[in-house]
């Protein structure tokens, strides 16, 4: 009866947890074309389930380039980790909302096997253009815009398209009349006759040569307090300031990525010298996200096989830090797997805007505007006219002549590359609300302006967790320094007494060397001897040693009696202690 009562109590105790495990959680995933799909998950469902769910929805095989992103209540972005339960990663309230996005941009989009994968990459690049993440010169911007119009409208038709039909396409955060006229010119003359798939392919060809292709910009402050945007590409680690790329460190030259609190470090080699780049993020969560992105990109693009990927630690030996490992296939394995796809290409369902493409029909198509959860501020009508007037006066076309290409190559070798006449400031796609440059832009991510490195370090160390780590480190350093000073003083006094007589000094040094050598031999020989005598490891060379007559004689005549004697003495001491 007592056992039955205990069992009933256990069942009553466990039943709520079982019900919570069976509870279904609703998840909504926003796709690249702004459509949504929903599914139900359990509390223990891992992130890979959602990735597979979306890929099955698309019938997508080349899925390693994609991931699922979510935003926590503090407006910090995260990539959903495939090997961890979804509920443990999410901090927001149910139901969950996430986004399906390109996580690793293919280094060579032409090696993508299926049209479906290229179409999804096209949708991602279209978003990057609209949100200012894919910064490009004027000529490239016009060509990309024309490819988008050709892919979604088809050939230019004078009867169906009014003179200002491009205004209904929100292609860029701020687009001028000059840019729109150039887009119309390319759409009319250069892209005629191209179907949607070909126009999208041409966009991929042009976009993947741009310096900001594949850059998911992370806003930071450098050591001087200046705003910088960090990113990771197939080539390596990049840093942008203003309209220039000031650093490009290839993956082969990156030795380690680590973070401590809000400080992010890139340790590498440049021109055969050690290079340490230090940047400061607005929050520790942003710094950890930046570190994880760097670790994953380095593993994906640098490693030849997924078996070469190692678990990395975020910090040094004094701190516990975070441990992380990229789980998935690497770029080379993905390309090899793509080349082996033999199925019939799946049908690609593109957005269609109807047979009528008049001005009124275009102005009412909300699907043209691909809205990101974090939307940039678009210019008003007055700003639009002023921008176009200014561009008509001062902005020069960035067509790539041979001379300009040579200049860019020279700048690239020096580490600084001018990308465009526009300032690279995609902060609007990272902030919770649209923010104009006049309101502070990306500086709003940081609590206060940083005027000096000393003030920056004080603000960073104001974090309670970092302060506790620093205090613990200082205590350890002081204790170690005191022990070292005491040891030096004792050793110094002894040596001073011995060095009074050179003959004695020589003898002492010889004895010290002998003792050190004997201790070293014992440290190696004793563990090996115990391994032979006490372990059951059945290795061939150990087995052969145990079978020799000399070893058996030593074992039975010397070692066994000695062990029995030691055990006897230990038992006698224990009995006396127990008796007392």
Protein backbone atom coordinates (compact mmCIF):
# COMPACT_ATOMS: atom_id res chain seq x y z
CA UNK A 1 0.00 0.00 0.00
CA UNK A 2 2.81 2.37 0.85
CA UNK A 3 4.50 1.64 -2.50
CA UNK A 4 1.22 2.25 -4.35
CA UNK A 5 0.81 5.58 -2.54
CA UNK A 6 4.33 6.65 -3.52
CA UNK A 7 3.66 5.69 -7.15
CA UNK A 8 0.46 7.74 -7.18
CA UNK A 9 2.34 10.77 -5.81
CA UNK A 10 4.99 10.38 -8.48
CA UNK A 11 2.35 10.18 -11.20
CA UNK A 12 0.60 13.29 -9.89
CA UNK A 13 3.91 15.12 -9.77
CA UNK A 14 4.93 14.18 -13.29
CA UNK A 15 1.62 14.67 -15.06
CA UNK A 16 1.84 18.51 -15.36
CA UNK A 17 5.29 18.29 -16.93
CA UNK A 18 4.05 15.69 -19.39
CA UNK A 19 1.13 17.91 -20.34
CA UNK A 20 3.52 20.85 -20.85
CA UNK A 21 5.67 18.72 -23.13
CA UNK A 22 2.63 17.83 -25.23
CA UNK A 23 1.50 21.46 -25.48
CA UNK A 24 1.65 22.78 -29.04
CA UNK A 25 3.19 26.15 -29.77
CA UNK A 26 2.26 28.15 -32.87
CA UNK A 27 5.10 29.52 -35.02
CA UNK A 28 4.71 31.92 -37.95
CA UNK A 29 7.56 32.16 -40.45
CA UNK A 30 7.75 35.13 -42.81
CA UNK A 31 9.26 34.15 -46.16
CA UNK A 32 11.41 36.16 -48.53
CA UNK A 33 8.40 37.24 -50.64
CA UNK A 34 6.62 38.45 -47.47
CA UNK A 35 4.15 35.59 -47.50
CA UNK A 36 3.77 33.62 -44.29
CA UNK A 37 3.47 29.98 -43.31
CA UNK A 38 2.59 28.59 -39.90
CA UNK A 39 3.20 25.36 -38.06
CA UNK A 40 2.93 23.85 -34.59
CA UNK A 41 5.90 22.69 -32.54
CA UNK A 42 6.48 20.98 -29.19
CA UNK A 43 8.60 22.34 -26.36
CA UNK A 44 11.47 20.03 -27.24
CA UNK A 45 11.34 20.66 -31.01
CA UNK A 46 14.75 21.75 -32.33
CA UNK A 47 15.49 24.55 -34.76
CA UNK A 48 16.31 22.22 -37.65
CA UNK A 49 12.63 21.24 -37.79
CA UNK A 50 11.61 24.75 -38.86
CA UNK A 51 14.35 24.96 -41.49
CA UNK A 52 13.22 21.62 -42.93
CA UNK A 53 9.59 22.71 -42.77
CA UNK A 54 10.25 25.82 -44.89
CA UNK A 55 12.48 23.92 -47.33
CA UNK A 56 9.77 21.26 -47.76
CA UNK A 57 7.27 24.06 -48.42
CA UNK A 58 9.48 25.34 -51.25
CA UNK A 59 10.71 21.85 -52.28
CA UNK A 60 14.20 23.28 -51.75
CA UNK A 61 17.25 21.01 -51.77
CA UNK A 62 20.09 23.57 -51.65
CA UNK A 63 19.05 24.64 -48.16
CA UNK A 64 22.43 25.13 -46.50
CA UNK A 65 22.59 28.76 -47.63
CA UNK A 66 19.47 29.66 -45.65
CA UNK A 67 18.54 30.08 -42.01
CA UNK A 68 15.79 31.36 -39.76
CA UNK A 69 16.20 34.65 -37.95
CA UNK A 70 14.24 36.08 -35.04
CA UNK A 71 14.30 39.24 -32.92
CA UNK A 72 14.18 39.11 -29.13
CA UNK A 73 12.26 41.62 -26.93
CA UNK A 74 15.41 43.79 -26.70
CA UNK A 75 15.37 44.15 -30.52
CA UNK A 76 18.48 42.00 -30.87
CA UNK A 77 18.61 39.74 -33.90
CA UNK A 78 19.58 36.07 -33.63
CA UNK A 79 19.95 33.11 -35.96
CA UNK A 80 17.98 30.09 -34.82
CA UNK A 81 20.41 27.33 -33.86
CA UNK A 82 19.38 24.03 -35.48
CA UNK A 83 20.59 21.70 -32.72
CA UNK A 84 18.92 23.46 -29.77
CA UNK A 85 15.26 23.42 -28.71
CA UNK A 86 13.39 26.39 -30.14
CA UNK A 87 11.65 27.28 -26.87
CA UNK A 88 14.96 27.57 -25.02
CA UNK A 89 16.25 30.02 -27.62
CA UNK A 90 13.19 32.26 -27.80
CA UNK A 91 12.75 34.96 -25.16
CA UNK A 92 9.59 36.49 -26.60
CA UNK A 93 6.02 35.63 -25.79
CA UNK A 94 4.12 33.01 -27.74
CA UNK A 95 3.15 32.71 -30.55
CA UNK A 96 6.56 33.04 -32.17
CA UNK A 97 7.28 35.00 -35.36
CA UNK A 98 10.46 34.39 -37.35
CA UNK A 99 11.90 35.17 -40.78
CA UNK A 100 13.39 32.87 -43.42
CA UNK A 101 16.49 34.56 -44.85
CA UNK A 102 19.77 33.87 -46.66
CA UNK A 103 22.40 33.19 -44.03
CA UNK A 104 25.44 32.34 -46.19
CA UNK A 105 25.66 34.10 -49.54
CA UNK A 106 27.10 31.85 -52.27
CA UNK A 107 30.56 32.98 -53.30
CA UNK A 108 29.76 32.07 -56.92
CA UNK A 109 25.99 32.21 -57.54
CA UNK A 110 26.50 30.72 -61.00
CA UNK A 111 27.33 27.39 -59.34
CA UNK A 112 23.85 27.18 -57.85
CA UNK A 113 22.20 24.22 -59.55
CA UNK A 114 18.49 25.00 -59.34
CA UNK A 115 16.51 28.04 -60.49
CA UNK A 116 14.46 27.95 -57.27
CA UNK A 117 17.55 28.60 -55.14
CA UNK A 118 18.63 31.44 -57.44
CA UNK A 119 15.16 32.99 -57.17
CA UNK A 120 15.29 32.96 -53.36
CA UNK A 121 18.75 34.54 -53.43
CA UNK A 122 17.37 37.17 -55.83
CA UNK A 123 14.61 37.99 -53.34
CA UNK A 124 17.18 38.39 -50.55
CA UNK A 125 19.37 40.69 -52.66
CA UNK A 126 16.30 42.71 -53.58
CA UNK A 127 15.70 43.25 -49.87
CA UNK A 128 19.37 44.14 -49.33
CA UNK A 129 19.14 46.79 -52.05
CA UNK A 130 15.96 48.26 -50.61
CA UNK A 131 17.30 48.44 -47.04
CA UNK A 132 20.66 49.93 -47.97
CA UNK A 133 22.72 46.87 -47.08
CA UNK A 134 23.92 46.35 -50.65
CA UNK A 135 25.65 49.65 -51.33
CA UNK A 136 26.71 50.13 -54.95
CA UNK A 137 27.85 52.83 -57.38
CA UNK A 138 25.30 54.71 -59.47
CA UNK A 139 25.74 52.60 -62.61
CA UNK A 140 25.41 49.31 -60.72
CA UNK A 141 22.41 50.61 -58.79
CA UNK A 142 20.63 51.51 -62.03
CA UNK A 143 21.38 48.11 -63.56
CA UNK A 144 20.17 46.23 -60.48
CA UNK A 145 16.99 48.29 -60.39
CA UNK A 146 16.35 47.63 -64.08
CA UNK A 147 16.83 43.87 -63.55
CA UNK A 148 14.24 43.93 -60.77
CA UNK A 149 11.75 45.82 -62.97
CA UNK A 150 12.36 43.46 -65.91
CA UNK A 151 11.93 40.38 -63.70
CA UNK A 152 8.64 41.62 -62.25
CA UNK A 153 7.08 43.56 -65.15
CA UNK A 154 8.61 42.02 -68.24
CA UNK A 155 9.46 44.08 -71.34
CA UNK A 156 8.84 47.81 -71.43
CA UNK A 157 5.57 48.73 -73.14
CA UNK A 158 4.95 52.36 -73.93
CA UNK A 159 1.17 51.87 -73.91
CA UNK A 160 1.09 50.22 -70.49
CA UNK A 161 3.89 52.03 -68.68
CA UNK A 162 3.53 55.77 -67.97
CA UNK A 163 6.67 57.96 -67.95
CA UNK A 164 7.03 57.81 -64.16
CA UNK A 165 6.14 54.14 -63.63
CA UNK A 166 9.40 53.49 -61.75
CA UNK A 167 8.20 55.68 -58.85
CA UNK A 168 5.84 52.86 -57.84
CA UNK A 169 8.81 50.55 -57.31
CA UNK A 170 10.45 51.30 -53.99
CA UNK A 171 13.82 49.88 -54.96
CA UNK A 172 16.19 51.96 -52.81
CA UNK A 173 15.92 53.77 -49.47
CA UNK A 174 16.22 57.03 -51.38
CA UNK A 175 15.97 57.05 -55.17
CA UNK A 176 16.38 60.18 -57.26
CA UNK A 177 14.81 61.14 -60.59
CA UNK A 178 18.20 60.73 -62.20
CA UNK A 179 18.46 57.16 -60.98
CA UNK A 180 14.91 56.39 -62.11
CA UNK A 181 15.57 57.76 -65.60
CA UNK A 182 18.66 55.57 -65.85
CA UNK A 183 16.67 52.52 -64.73
CA UNK A 184 14.02 53.23 -67.38
CA UNK A 185 16.70 53.61 -70.05
CA UNK A 186 18.27 50.22 -69.21
CA UNK A 187 14.85 48.58 -68.93
CA UNK A 188 13.86 49.86 -72.37
CA UNK A 189 17.04 49.12 -74.30
CA UNK A 190 19.31 46.56 -72.62
CA UNK A 191 17.02 44.02 -70.99
CA UNK A 192 14.29 43.65 -73.61
CA UNK A 193 13.33 40.05 -74.32
CA UNK A 194 14.66 38.63 -71.04
CA UNK A 195 12.39 36.40 -69.03
CA UNK A 196 12.21 36.64 -65.24
CA UNK A 197 14.78 33.88 -64.65
CA UNK A 198 17.35 35.51 -66.98
CA UNK A 199 16.86 38.97 -65.48
CA UNK A 200 17.30 37.52 -61.99
CA UNK A 201 20.45 35.70 -63.12
CA UNK A 202 21.91 38.95 -64.46
CA UNK A 203 21.18 40.64 -61.13
CA UNK A 204 23.05 37.88 -59.29
CA UNK A 205 26.01 38.21 -61.67
CA UNK A 206 26.28 41.95 -61.10
CA UNK A 207 25.54 41.92 -57.36
CA UNK A 208 28.04 39.25 -56.33
CA UNK A 209 30.93 41.44 -57.58
CA UNK A 210 29.98 44.32 -55.27
CA UNK A 211 32.00 44.92 -52.11
CA UNK A 212 28.95 44.78 -49.85
CA UNK A 213 27.54 41.57 -51.34
CA UNK A 214 26.66 39.20 -48.51
CA UNK A 215 27.43 41.75 -45.78
CA UNK A 216 25.03 41.68 -42.85
CA UNK A 217 26.25 44.90 -41.22
CA UNK A 218 26.84 45.01 -37.46
CA UNK A 219 27.10 48.57 -36.07
CA UNK A 220 30.07 49.11 -33.75
CA UNK A 221 32.44 51.73 -32.46
CA UNK A 222 36.15 51.49 -33.09
CA UNK A 223 38.84 52.47 -30.59
CA UNK A 224 38.48 56.16 -31.45
CA UNK A 225 34.70 56.12 -30.97
CA UNK A 226 33.92 56.38 -34.68
CA UNK A 227 30.99 54.41 -36.09
CA UNK A 228 31.94 51.37 -38.13
CA UNK A 229 30.01 48.51 -39.71
CA UNK A 230 31.47 45.02 -39.44
CA UNK A 231 30.57 42.18 -41.75
CA UNK A 232 31.55 38.70 -42.87
CA UNK A 233 31.68 37.60 -46.48
CA UNK A 234 32.92 34.60 -48.42
CA UNK A 235 36.29 36.37 -48.69
CA UNK A 236 36.79 37.30 -45.07
CA UNK A 237 36.17 39.91 -42.39
CA UNK A 238 35.37 43.45 -43.59
CA UNK A 239 35.00 46.85 -41.93
CA UNK A 240 33.21 49.84 -43.46
CA UNK A 241 33.33 53.47 -42.45
CA UNK A 242 31.48 56.14 -44.37
CA UNK A 243 31.64 55.08 -48.01
CA UNK A 244 34.94 53.23 -47.68
CA UNK A 245 35.98 49.72 -46.87
CA UNK A 246 38.85 50.29 -44.48
CA UNK A 247 39.70 46.66 -43.63
CA UNK A 248 39.60 43.35 -45.48
CA UNK A 249 41.11 40.43 -43.60
CA UNK A 250 40.86 37.18 -45.54
CA UNK A 251 39.76 34.07 -43.69
CA UNK A 252 43.16 32.46 -44.14
CA UNK A 253 44.68 35.37 -42.17
CA UNK A 254 42.10 35.32 -39.33
CA UNK A 255 43.47 33.32 -36.39
CA UNK A 256 40.83 33.90 -33.73
CA UNK A 257 37.58 35.72 -33.06
CA UNK A 258 36.63 36.39 -29.45
CA UNK A 259 34.55 38.72 -27.31
CA UNK A 260 34.45 39.88 -23.72
CA UNK A 261 31.31 41.71 -22.65
CA UNK A 262 30.75 44.42 -25.27
CA UNK A 263 34.24 44.20 -26.79
CA UNK A 264 34.87 42.18 -29.96
CA UNK A 265 38.38 41.16 -31.02
CA UNK A 266 39.67 40.00 -34.39
CA UNK A 267 43.15 38.50 -34.14
CA UNK A 268 44.96 37.80 -37.37
CA UNK A 269 48.03 38.34 -39.51
CA UNK A 270 48.57 41.13 -42.02
CA UNK A 271 51.80 41.62 -43.93
CA UNK A 272 53.48 38.96 -41.74
CA UNK A 273 52.68 40.92 -38.57
CA UNK A 274 50.20 40.14 -35.83
CA UNK A 275 47.07 42.27 -36.09
CA UNK A 276 44.50 42.81 -33.32
CA UNK A 277 41.35 44.78 -34.20
CA UNK A 278 39.11 45.89 -31.34
CA UNK A 279 35.51 47.05 -31.65
CA UNK A 280 32.78 47.88 -29.15
CA UNK A 281 29.10 47.03 -29.52
CA UNK A 282 26.10 48.59 -27.83
CA UNK A 283 25.20 45.54 -25.69
CA UNK A 284 26.82 42.24 -24.66
CA UNK A 285 24.06 40.40 -26.57
CA UNK A 286 24.97 42.25 -29.77
CA UNK A 287 28.63 41.37 -29.24
CA UNK A 288 27.85 37.68 -28.72
CA UNK A 289 25.67 37.65 -31.85
CA UNK A 290 28.49 39.27 -33.81
CA UNK A 291 30.95 36.65 -32.53
CA UNK A 292 28.65 33.75 -33.41
CA UNK A 293 28.12 35.11 -36.92
CA UNK A 294 31.88 35.39 -37.39
CA UNK A 295 32.52 31.85 -36.13
CA UNK A 296 29.84 30.40 -38.42
CA UNK A 297 30.98 32.31 -41.51
CA UNK A 298 34.63 31.40 -40.95
CA UNK A 299 33.75 27.72 -40.60
CA UNK A 300 31.41 27.73 -43.62
CA UNK A 301 33.75 29.46 -46.05
CA UNK A 302 37.19 28.43 -44.75
CA UNK A 303 36.92 24.74 -43.88
CA UNK A 304 37.19 22.13 -46.62
CA UNK A 305 35.09 19.57 -44.70
CA UNK A 306 32.59 19.79 -41.88
CA UNK A 307 34.69 17.27 -39.93
CA UNK A 308 37.39 19.97 -39.61
CA UNK A 309 35.10 22.31 -37.66
CA UNK A 310 36.12 22.70 -34.03
CA UNK A 311 34.35 24.07 -30.96
CA UNK A 312 35.65 27.55 -30.19
CA UNK A 313 35.68 29.53 -26.95
CA UNK A 314 34.77 33.18 -26.77
CA UNK A 315 37.36 34.28 -24.23
CA UNK A 316 40.75 33.51 -22.74
CA UNK A 317 41.89 31.21 -19.95
CA UNK A 318 40.87 33.58 -17.13
CA UNK A 319 37.17 33.62 -18.03
CA UNK A 320 34.72 30.80 -18.55
CA UNK A 321 33.33 32.42 -21.71
CA UNK A 322 30.94 30.92 -24.23
CA UNK A 323 31.55 27.83 -26.31
CA UNK A 324 30.08 27.49 -29.76
CA UNK A 325 30.39 25.21 -32.77
CA UNK A 326 28.92 25.62 -36.23
CA UNK A 327 26.85 22.56 -37.09
CA UNK A 328 26.24 22.10 -40.78
CA UNK A 329 27.91 21.54 -44.10
CA UNK A 330 30.58 23.88 -45.42
CA UNK A 331 30.58 25.74 -48.74
CA UNK A 332 32.65 23.18 -50.64
CA UNK A 333 30.41 20.33 -49.52
CA UNK A 334 27.30 22.29 -50.50
CA UNK A 335 28.64 22.91 -54.02
CA UNK A 336 29.54 19.24 -54.42
CA UNK A 337 26.08 18.19 -53.26
CA UNK A 338 24.44 20.66 -55.65
CA UNK A 339 26.33 19.22 -58.61
CA UNK A 340 24.84 15.78 -57.84
CA UNK A 341 21.18 16.88 -57.93
CA UNK A 342 19.43 14.85 -60.63
CA UNK A 343 15.72 15.62 -60.16
CA UNK A 344 13.39 17.57 -62.40
CA UNK A 345 13.59 21.28 -61.48
CA UNK A 346 10.67 22.30 -59.25
CA UNK A 347 8.25 24.95 -60.41
CA UNK A 348 9.09 28.47 -59.24
CA UNK A 349 6.06 30.46 -58.08
CA UNK A 350 6.87 34.10 -58.64
CA UNK A 351 4.80 37.12 -57.71
CA UNK A 352 2.64 38.24 -60.63
CA UNK A 353 1.12 41.68 -60.84
CA UNK A 354 -1.71 40.79 -63.21
CA UNK A 355 -2.10 41.33 -66.93
CA UNK A 356 -2.83 45.05 -66.56
CA UNK A 357 0.31 46.98 -65.75
CA UNK A 358 -1.07 50.47 -65.86
CA UNK A 359 -0.08 53.24 -63.49
CA UNK A 360 -3.12 52.73 -61.27
CA UNK A 361 -2.67 48.98 -60.96
CA UNK A 362 0.96 49.39 -59.98
CA UNK A 363 0.23 52.02 -57.37
CA UNK A 364 -2.12 49.65 -55.54
CA UNK A 365 0.19 46.65 -55.46
CA UNK A 366 1.55 46.52 -51.93
CA UNK A 367 3.57 43.43 -52.75
CA UNK A 368 5.98 45.60 -54.72
CA UNK A 369 7.24 47.04 -51.45
CA UNK A 370 9.09 44.25 -49.69
CA UNK A 371 8.74 45.40 -46.11
CA UNK A 372 11.33 44.17 -43.61
CA UNK A 373 10.35 44.00 -39.92
CA UNK A 374 12.67 46.98 -39.43
CA UNK A 375 11.84 49.50 -42.17
CA UNK A 376 14.05 52.40 -43.27
CA UNK A 377 12.72 55.91 -43.51
CA UNK A 378 11.72 56.75 -47.08
CA UNK A 379 12.00 60.32 -48.38
CA UNK A 380 8.97 62.55 -48.60
CA UNK A 381 7.90 64.20 -51.84
CA UNK A 382 9.82 67.37 -51.04
CA UNK A 383 12.91 65.38 -50.11
CA UNK A 384 12.51 63.46 -53.35
CA UNK A 385 12.54 66.64 -55.44
CA UNK A 386 15.42 68.15 -53.47
CA UNK A 387 17.46 64.97 -53.76
CA UNK A 388 16.93 64.80 -57.48
CA UNK A 389 17.91 68.44 -57.88
CA UNK A 390 21.06 67.98 -55.82
CA UNK A 391 22.01 64.86 -57.71
CA UNK A 392 21.45 66.63 -61.00
CA UNK A 393 24.01 69.23 -59.96
CA UNK A 394 26.68 67.39 -58.03
CA UNK A 395 26.40 63.61 -58.34
CA UNK A 396 28.60 62.00 -60.97
CA UNK A 397 27.89 58.71 -62.67
CA UNK A 398 30.06 55.88 -61.34
CA UNK A 399 30.59 54.03 -64.59
CA UNK A 400 33.58 51.72 -64.31
CA UNK A 401 36.23 52.81 -66.78
CA UNK A 402 39.60 51.10 -66.93
CA UNK A 403 41.27 53.98 -65.15
CA UNK A 404 38.80 53.81 -62.29
CA UNK A 405 39.27 50.05 -61.98
CA UNK A 406 43.02 50.56 -61.67
CA UNK A 407 42.44 53.19 -58.98
CA UNK A 408 40.20 50.79 -57.08
CA UNK A 409 42.80 48.05 -57.27
CA UNK A 410 45.43 50.43 -55.87
CA UNK A 411 43.11 51.40 -53.03
CA UNK A 412 42.34 47.75 -52.30
CA UNK A 413 46.00 46.91 -51.87
CA UNK A 414 46.31 49.74 -49.36
CA UNK A 415 43.29 48.49 -47.39
CA UNK A 416 40.92 51.39 -48.22
CA UNK A 417 38.38 51.08 -51.03
CA UNK A 418 35.86 53.76 -51.96
CA UNK A 419 32.61 52.03 -52.86
CA UNK A 420 30.19 54.79 -53.72
CA UNK A 421 29.43 58.46 -53.35
CA UNK A 422 26.79 57.40 -50.81
CA UNK A 423 27.60 56.88 -47.14
CA UNK A 424 27.21 53.29 -45.98
CA UNK A 425 24.65 53.69 -43.21
CA UNK A 426 22.16 50.80 -43.21
CA UNK A 427 21.19 51.55 -39.61
CA UNK A 428 17.51 51.84 -40.47
CA UNK A 429 17.33 48.11 -41.13
CA UNK A 430 18.76 47.38 -37.67
CA UNK A 431 16.85 49.78 -35.44
CA UNK A 432 13.35 49.06 -34.11
CA UNK A 433 11.90 52.20 -35.73
CA UNK A 434 12.89 54.30 -38.77
CA UNK A 435 15.65 56.68 -37.74
CA UNK A 436 16.97 59.55 -39.82
CA UNK A 437 20.59 60.59 -39.77
CA UNK A 438 19.52 63.88 -38.22
CA UNK A 439 18.09 62.00 -35.24
CA UNK A 440 21.37 60.29 -34.53
CA UNK A 441 21.14 57.22 -36.76
CA UNK A 442 23.18 54.31 -35.51
CA UNK A 443 24.42 56.35 -32.53
CA UNK A 444 21.04 55.68 -30.91
CA UNK A 445 22.20 52.09 -30.44
CA UNK A 446 24.76 53.39 -27.97
CA UNK A 447 23.62 54.95 -24.72
CA UNK A 448 25.90 57.97 -24.90
CA UNK A 449 28.42 59.42 -27.36
CA UNK A 450 31.94 58.14 -26.83
CA UNK A 451 34.52 60.89 -26.99
CA UNK A 452 37.67 59.13 -25.85
CA UNK A 453 38.99 55.56 -25.52
CA UNK A 454 39.28 55.99 -21.74
CA UNK A 455 35.62 56.97 -21.43
CA UNK A 456 34.66 54.10 -23.72
CA UNK A 457 36.49 51.58 -21.55
CA UNK A 458 34.86 52.98 -18.41
CA UNK A 459 31.42 52.54 -19.96
CA UNK A 460 32.20 49.03 -21.08
CA UNK A 461 33.49 48.02 -17.66
CA UNK A 462 30.40 49.45 -15.96
CA UNK A 463 28.59 46.24 -16.80
CA UNK A 464 28.17 44.21 -13.54
CA UNK A 465 29.18 40.89 -15.07
CA UNK A 466 32.32 42.32 -16.67
CA UNK A 467 33.17 44.18 -13.45
CA UNK A 468 32.90 40.95 -11.42
CA UNK A 469 35.17 39.16 -13.88
CA UNK A 470 37.71 41.97 -13.75
CA UNK A 471 37.72 42.00 -9.92
CA UNK A 472 38.24 38.23 -9.81
CA UNK A 473 41.07 38.53 -12.31
CA UNK A 474 42.74 41.29 -10.29
CA UNK A 475 42.54 39.18 -7.10
CA UNK A 476 44.15 36.22 -8.86
CA UNK A 477 46.86 38.43 -10.36
CA UNK A 478 47.69 39.98 -6.99
CA UNK A 479 47.89 36.59 -5.25
CA UNK A 480 50.10 35.24 -8.00
CA UNK A 481 52.35 38.32 -7.83
CA UNK A 482 52.73 38.03 -4.06
CA UNK A 483 53.64 34.35 -4.27
CA UNK A 484 56.17 35.11 -6.98
CA UNK A 485 57.75 37.92 -4.94
CA UNK A 486 58.00 35.71 -1.83
CA UNK A 487 59.53 32.88 -3.85
CA UNK A 488 62.05 35.21 -5.44
CA UNK A 489 63.08 36.66 -2.07
CA UNK A 490 63.59 33.25 -0.48
CA UNK A 491 65.47 31.93 -3.47
CA UNK A 492 67.57 35.09 -3.69
CA UNK A 493 68.61 34.95 -0.04
CA UNK A 494 69.59 31.29 -0.34
CA UNK A 495 71.59 31.92 -3.49
CA UNK A 496 73.39 34.85 -1.91
CA UNK A 497 74.59 32.56 0.92
CA UNK A 498 75.73 29.92 -1.51
CA UNK A 499 77.48 32.18 -3.96
CA UNK A 500 79.97 33.30 -1.32
CA UNK A 501 81.98 30.21 -2.11
CA UNK A 502 82.37 29.43 -5.80
CA UNK A 503 83.20 25.77 -5.15
CA UNK A 504 80.11 25.30 -3.02
CA UNK A 505 78.06 27.14 -5.66
CA UNK A 506 79.25 24.78 -8.39
CA UNK A 507 78.44 21.70 -6.33
CA UNK A 508 74.98 23.01 -5.45
CA UNK A 509 74.17 23.75 -9.07
CA UNK A 510 75.28 20.27 -10.09
CA UNK A 511 73.12 18.74 -7.36
CA UNK A 512 70.13 20.82 -8.45
CA UNK A 513 70.53 19.68 -12.03
CA UNK A 514 70.81 16.04 -10.91
CA UNK A 515 67.71 16.29 -8.70
CA UNK A 516 65.76 17.98 -11.49
CA UNK A 517 66.77 15.26 -13.94
CA UNK A 518 65.83 12.47 -11.50
CA UNK A 519 62.45 14.09 -10.79
CA UNK A 520 61.81 14.39 -14.52
CA UNK A 521 62.66 10.72 -15.09
CA UNK A 522 60.43 9.67 -12.20
CA UNK A 523 57.54 11.78 -13.50
CA UNK A 524 57.73 9.84 -16.76
CA UNK A 525 58.72 6.39 -15.47
CA UNK A 526 56.32 6.05 -12.51
CA UNK A 527 53.11 6.69 -14.50
CA UNK A 528 54.33 4.31 -17.21
CA UNK A 529 55.12 1.65 -14.58
CA UNK A 530 51.71 2.02 -12.94
CA UNK A 531 50.10 1.80 -16.37
CA UNK A 532 51.86 -1.52 -16.94
CA UNK A 533 51.19 -2.93 -13.47
CA UNK A 534 47.69 -1.75 -12.63
CA UNK A 535 45.80 -1.02 -15.85
CA UNK A 536 43.85 -3.50 -17.93
CA UNK A 537 44.54 -1.77 -21.21
CA UNK A 538 45.10 -4.47 -23.78
CA UNK A 539 47.49 -2.83 -26.23
CA UNK A 540 49.86 -4.98 -28.25
CA UNK A 541 53.15 -3.47 -27.07
CA UNK A 542 51.98 -3.37 -23.41
CA UNK A 543 50.89 -7.01 -23.68
CA UNK A 544 54.31 -8.01 -24.99
CA UNK A 545 56.08 -6.24 -22.11
CA UNK A 546 53.86 -7.96 -19.54
CA UNK A 547 54.73 -11.39 -21.02
CA UNK A 548 58.50 -11.02 -20.57
CA UNK A 549 60.12 -13.13 -17.73
CA UNK A 550 61.86 -10.11 -16.23
CA UNK A 551 58.60 -8.19 -15.89
CA UNK A 552 56.77 -11.17 -14.33
CA UNK A 553 59.61 -11.67 -11.83
CA UNK A 554 59.55 -7.99 -10.87
CA UNK A 555 55.75 -8.03 -10.58
CA UNK A 556 55.39 -11.10 -8.36
CA UNK A 557 58.62 -10.90 -6.27
CA UNK A 558 58.89 -7.16 -5.66
CA UNK A 559 55.82 -5.16 -6.64
CA UNK A 560 53.10 -7.39 -5.14
CA UNK A 561 54.80 -7.73 -1.71
CA UNK A 562 55.46 -3.99 -1.64
CA UNK A 563 51.82 -3.21 -2.47
CA UNK A 564 50.58 -5.62 0.23
CA UNK A 565 52.90 -4.06 2.81
CA UNK A 566 51.72 -0.52 1.94
CA UNK A 567 48.06 -1.54 2.09
CA UNK A 568 48.66 -3.24 5.45
CA UNK A 569 50.26 -0.13 6.89
CA UNK A 570 47.44 2.05 5.60
CA UNK A 571 44.81 -0.24 7.15
CA UNK A 572 46.67 -0.19 10.50
CA UNK A 573 46.75 3.60 10.49
CA UNK A 574 43.05 3.76 9.63
CA UNK A 575 42.21 1.33 12.46
CA UNK A 576 44.16 3.42 14.95
CA UNK A 577 42.43 6.58 13.83
CA UNK A 578 39.07 4.83 14.12
CA UNK A 579 39.94 3.44 17.59
CA UNK A 580 40.99 6.87 18.83
